[in-house]
Protein backbone atom coordinates (compact mmCIF):
# COMPACT_ATOMS: atom_id res chain seq x y z
CA MET A 1 127.62 101.37 73.30
CA SER A 2 126.62 103.97 75.89
CA ARG A 3 123.85 103.24 78.33
CA ARG A 4 120.84 105.50 78.51
CA PRO A 5 120.71 107.32 81.84
CA ARG A 6 118.13 106.09 84.30
CA PRO A 7 115.14 108.41 84.64
CA GLN A 8 115.19 110.38 87.86
CA PRO A 9 112.45 109.42 90.34
CA ARG A 10 109.58 111.84 90.81
CA ILE A 11 109.88 113.41 94.27
CA LEU A 12 107.39 114.83 96.78
CA PHE A 13 109.22 117.24 99.10
CA ASN A 14 107.63 117.50 102.50
CA THR A 15 107.68 120.28 105.12
CA PRO A 16 105.67 120.65 108.34
CA GLU A 17 102.84 122.62 106.70
CA ILE A 18 103.40 122.30 102.94
CA GLU A 19 104.06 119.59 100.36
CA LEU A 20 106.02 120.51 97.25
CA TRP A 21 104.46 118.58 94.36
CA PRO A 22 105.55 118.02 90.77
CA ALA A 23 103.03 120.22 88.97
CA ASP A 24 102.04 117.70 86.31
CA LEU A 25 100.74 115.27 88.96
CA LEU A 26 98.10 117.69 90.23
CA ARG A 27 94.62 118.20 88.86
CA ALA A 28 93.66 121.72 87.82
CA ARG A 29 90.77 123.17 89.80
CA GLY A 30 89.88 125.86 87.30
CA ASN A 31 91.02 127.48 84.07
CA ARG A 32 93.62 129.67 85.78
CA ASP A 33 95.06 126.66 87.60
CA ALA A 34 95.21 124.73 84.33
CA ARG A 35 97.18 127.47 82.60
CA LEU A 36 99.64 127.79 85.48
CA LEU A 37 100.08 124.08 86.07
CA ALA A 38 100.89 123.63 82.39
CA ARG A 39 103.92 125.92 82.85
CA ALA A 40 104.86 125.14 86.45
CA HIS A 41 107.64 122.92 87.74
CA GLN A 42 106.37 122.56 91.30
CA VAL A 43 103.32 123.53 93.33
CA LEU A 44 103.12 124.35 97.03
CA ARG A 45 100.15 122.41 98.43
CA ARG A 46 98.94 123.02 101.98
CA LYS A 47 98.75 119.79 103.95
CA ARG A 48 95.85 120.56 106.24
CA ASP A 49 93.30 121.17 103.47
CA GLY A 50 94.98 120.35 100.15
CA CYS A 51 94.80 123.94 98.86
CA TYR A 52 97.19 124.94 96.08
CA LEU A 53 99.09 127.94 97.42
CA ALA A 54 101.65 128.96 94.80
CA ALA A 55 103.38 127.62 91.71
CA SER A 56 107.03 127.76 90.70
CA VAL A 57 107.14 128.80 87.03
CA PRO A 58 110.18 129.72 84.90
CA GLU A 59 109.88 133.41 85.76
CA GLY A 60 109.41 132.89 89.52
CA MET A 61 106.65 132.18 92.05
CA VAL A 62 103.00 132.82 91.18
CA THR A 63 100.36 132.97 93.93
CA LEU A 64 97.36 130.67 93.56
CA LEU A 65 95.66 131.49 96.88
CA PRO A 66 95.82 135.19 97.80
CA GLY A 67 97.06 135.85 101.33
CA TRP A 68 98.13 132.27 101.93
CA GLN A 69 101.41 133.25 103.62
CA ARG A 70 99.59 134.98 106.48
CA ASP A 71 98.71 131.72 108.21
CA THR A 72 101.04 129.16 106.61
CA ASP A 73 104.78 128.85 107.27
CA ALA A 74 106.34 128.44 103.82
CA THR A 75 109.94 129.12 104.82
CA MET A 76 111.17 125.54 104.45
CA ALA A 77 109.29 124.97 101.18
CA LEU A 78 110.61 128.15 99.60
CA ASP A 79 114.14 127.30 100.78
CA LEU A 80 113.82 123.92 99.05
CA ILE A 81 112.91 125.60 95.77
CA GLU A 82 115.80 128.03 96.07
CA ALA A 83 118.31 125.32 97.00
CA GLY A 84 117.23 123.07 94.13
CA THR A 85 115.86 119.56 94.16
CA ASP A 86 119.24 117.83 93.93
CA HIS A 87 120.34 119.42 97.20
CA ALA A 88 117.00 118.63 98.82
CA ARG A 89 117.17 115.00 97.71
CA SER A 90 120.65 114.57 99.18
CA ALA A 91 119.54 116.13 102.46
CA ALA A 92 116.55 113.80 102.94
CA SER A 93 115.69 113.08 106.57
CA THR A 94 112.55 113.23 108.72
CA LEU A 95 110.45 116.08 110.05
CA GLY A 96 110.09 116.87 113.72
CA LEU A 97 107.08 115.96 115.84
CA ASP A 98 106.41 119.49 117.06
CA ALA A 99 102.77 119.55 115.93
CA LEU A 100 101.91 116.12 117.32
CA HIS A 101 100.35 117.35 120.55
CA ALA A 102 98.34 120.00 118.75
CA HIS A 103 96.84 117.40 116.41
CA LEU A 104 95.92 115.12 119.30
CA ASP A 105 94.51 118.00 121.34
CA VAL A 106 91.91 118.46 118.59
CA LEU A 107 90.73 114.93 119.36
CA GLY A 108 91.06 115.24 123.12
CA LEU A 109 93.88 112.70 123.22
CA ASP A 110 97.11 112.80 125.24
CA ALA A 111 100.11 111.61 123.23
CA ASP A 112 101.91 109.96 126.13
CA GLY A 113 98.75 108.28 127.39
CA TYR A 114 97.85 107.01 123.94
CA ALA A 115 101.36 105.65 123.38
CA ALA A 116 101.37 103.87 126.72
CA ARG A 117 97.90 102.39 126.17
CA THR A 118 98.52 101.12 122.63
CA GLY A 119 102.24 100.42 122.55
CA LEU A 120 102.47 102.51 119.38
CA ALA A 121 105.32 105.00 118.98
CA PRO A 122 105.11 108.42 117.30
CA VAL A 123 106.03 108.27 113.61
CA ALA A 124 107.89 111.11 111.91
CA GLU A 125 107.20 112.07 108.29
CA PRO A 126 110.02 111.88 105.72
CA THR A 127 111.23 115.11 104.14
CA SER A 128 110.95 113.46 100.71
CA LEU A 129 109.14 110.55 99.09
CA VAL A 130 109.26 109.02 95.62
CA LEU A 131 106.45 108.32 93.20
CA ALA A 132 105.76 104.58 93.25
CA GLY A 133 103.08 104.56 90.57
CA ARG A 134 99.38 105.06 91.22
CA ASP A 135 96.94 103.49 93.62
CA ARG A 136 93.69 101.84 92.53
CA TYR A 137 91.98 105.24 92.53
CA ARG A 138 94.62 106.66 90.12
CA ARG A 139 96.09 108.86 92.85
CA PRO A 140 99.88 109.28 93.01
CA LEU A 141 101.34 106.69 95.37
CA TRP A 142 104.14 108.15 97.52
CA LEU A 143 106.56 105.91 99.41
CA THR A 144 110.12 106.02 100.68
CA ARG A 145 112.70 105.07 98.08
CA ASP A 146 113.42 101.64 99.62
CA THR A 147 109.73 100.85 100.07
CA ALA A 148 108.92 101.89 96.51
CA ARG A 149 111.61 99.57 95.15
CA ALA A 150 110.44 96.69 97.32
CA TRP A 151 106.80 97.25 96.35
CA SER A 152 107.71 97.27 92.64
CA ARG A 153 109.66 94.00 92.95
CA MET A 154 106.97 92.32 95.06
CA ARG A 155 104.13 93.38 92.76
CA ALA A 156 106.03 92.13 89.71
CA ALA A 157 106.75 88.78 91.38
CA ALA A 158 103.09 88.38 92.32
CA LEU A 159 102.06 89.17 88.74
CA ASP A 160 104.44 86.49 87.46
CA ALA A 161 102.54 84.08 89.71
CA GLY A 162 99.19 85.25 88.32
CA VAL A 163 98.32 87.44 91.32
CA VAL A 164 97.47 91.14 90.96
CA LEU A 165 98.24 93.38 93.93
CA ASP A 166 96.58 96.79 94.14
CA ALA A 167 97.87 99.59 96.33
CA VAL A 168 94.92 101.23 98.08
CA SER A 169 97.00 103.86 99.88
CA GLY A 170 100.57 104.61 100.90
CA TYR A 171 102.01 107.71 102.56
CA ARG A 172 99.63 109.84 104.63
CA SER A 173 100.65 112.96 106.53
CA HIS A 174 99.72 113.66 110.15
CA ALA A 175 97.34 116.35 108.87
CA TYR A 176 95.68 113.94 106.44
CA GLN A 177 95.19 111.40 109.23
CA LEU A 178 93.57 114.09 111.35
CA GLY A 179 91.22 114.78 108.44
CA ILE A 180 90.20 111.10 108.36
CA PHE A 181 89.17 111.39 112.00
CA ALA A 182 87.30 114.64 111.36
CA ARG A 183 85.30 113.16 108.47
CA LYS A 184 84.39 110.03 110.42
CA ARG A 185 83.30 112.06 113.45
CA GLU A 186 81.12 114.20 111.18
CA ARG A 187 79.41 110.96 110.13
CA GLY A 188 78.63 110.28 113.79
CA LEU A 189 81.33 107.73 114.65
CA ALA A 190 82.64 107.78 118.21
CA LEU A 191 86.34 108.44 118.77
CA ASP A 192 86.94 105.03 120.39
CA ALA A 193 85.39 103.28 117.39
CA ILE A 194 87.61 105.22 114.97
CA LEU A 195 90.71 104.39 117.00
CA GLU A 196 89.99 100.69 116.53
CA VAL A 197 90.54 101.01 112.78
CA ASN A 198 92.81 104.07 112.48
CA ALA A 199 95.91 104.87 114.50
CA ALA A 200 95.82 108.35 116.01
CA PRO A 201 97.38 111.16 113.95
CA GLY A 202 101.14 110.96 114.44
CA PHE A 203 101.11 107.21 115.21
CA SER A 204 100.27 105.60 111.88
CA GLU A 205 102.89 103.64 109.93
CA HIS A 206 101.54 105.37 106.82
CA HIS A 207 103.23 108.59 108.03
CA ALA A 208 106.65 107.02 107.47
CA GLY A 209 105.97 106.21 103.83
CA THR A 210 106.69 102.54 104.51
CA ALA A 211 103.14 101.17 104.86
CA LEU A 212 100.75 100.05 102.15
CA ASP A 213 97.11 99.11 102.27
CA ILE A 214 96.87 96.34 99.67
CA SER A 215 93.93 94.78 97.85
CA THR A 216 93.28 92.96 94.59
CA PRO A 217 90.87 93.61 91.69
CA GLY A 218 87.27 92.78 92.54
CA GLU A 219 87.93 92.98 96.28
CA PRO A 220 86.74 96.00 98.30
CA ALA A 221 89.41 98.09 99.97
CA ALA A 222 90.32 97.59 103.60
CA GLU A 223 87.95 94.72 104.37
CA PRO A 224 88.67 91.54 106.35
CA SER A 225 87.39 89.53 103.38
CA PHE A 226 90.78 90.21 101.75
CA GLU A 227 92.18 87.32 103.79
CA ALA A 228 90.17 84.86 101.66
CA THR A 229 91.80 85.97 98.38
CA PRO A 230 94.71 84.37 96.51
CA ALA A 231 96.48 87.74 96.85
CA PHE A 232 96.49 87.49 100.63
CA ALA A 233 97.65 83.88 100.50
CA TRP A 234 100.51 84.91 98.19
CA LEU A 235 101.50 87.74 100.54
CA GLY A 236 101.51 85.37 103.49
CA ARG A 237 104.00 83.12 101.70
CA HIS A 238 106.19 85.71 99.98
CA ALA A 239 105.88 89.24 101.41
CA GLY A 240 108.57 88.64 104.01
CA ALA A 241 111.13 88.06 101.27
CA TYR A 242 110.58 91.67 100.17
CA GLY A 243 110.68 93.13 103.68
CA PHE A 244 106.91 93.43 104.19
CA SER A 245 104.96 92.16 107.18
CA MET A 246 101.36 92.45 108.32
CA SER A 247 101.21 94.97 111.15
CA TYR A 248 97.86 94.20 112.77
CA PRO A 249 97.12 90.48 112.98
CA ARG A 250 94.25 89.17 115.08
CA ASP A 251 94.50 89.95 118.78
CA ASN A 252 97.35 92.41 118.25
CA PRO A 253 98.41 94.35 121.37
CA HIS A 254 97.66 97.80 119.90
CA GLY A 255 93.87 97.71 120.15
CA ILE A 256 93.49 97.94 116.36
CA VAL A 257 91.19 95.56 114.54
CA TYR A 258 92.52 92.76 112.37
CA GLU A 259 93.83 94.36 109.16
CA PRO A 260 94.92 91.74 106.64
CA TRP A 261 95.32 94.53 104.07
CA HIS A 262 97.91 96.63 105.99
CA TRP A 263 101.55 95.70 105.29
CA ASN A 264 104.61 97.60 106.45
CA HIS A 265 108.06 97.53 104.93
CA ARG A 266 111.29 97.42 106.90
CA ALA A 267 114.51 97.75 104.96
CA ALA A 268 117.08 95.02 105.56
């Protein structure tokens, strides 16, 4: 009796300025988008603002944002489409850190000074991530392949023990992290206060696709109260067996507040 082939994982292909998304995972932002997304295989999505730039349909590329190539380098993304996803998957690696200083300049931070002060190292983004389900907000959850497998096994084991683990967030790009800082500063928060709860763009474990913010139903996201839940107690006993550890315990040397919800995976 022949075995059914395993379904291929859904892949997010990542370039310095553009993410290449499976089209059916994106929400249409208008009637034209809806018609194109229904026929498209992949969509080029700009990282700095989330704009849909172009869609790959059976007859070729269709522009979604006129003039987008004037200020966005799409060379690597278009090469990925031309080479095919199988080639891109086999060539998975990490992106460079060329834009790191530019992102930190926006905040008035020096990369070397920040690294020396916090003990945090720059974190490169993967060139591809796999779909690991959805987070509690129904957003696609992107992680590295090893982390996705470990998260699936750990979540299933917790469920067998009567504990429900929710993913609040996984992979975040450098550009997305910069956006978090921008939104918080617009609300009047000081930079030093933001840095106590968010690593600077380019220094977050979320960039690597190996970190998860975890919660449980009925518990607010990213709050210290998570430590009083059965979910946190279960993680404390069992997460290590799946390669996960809490990155920011109390009095950690990085100057980041206690984060019982933030767990990072390291492959064996």
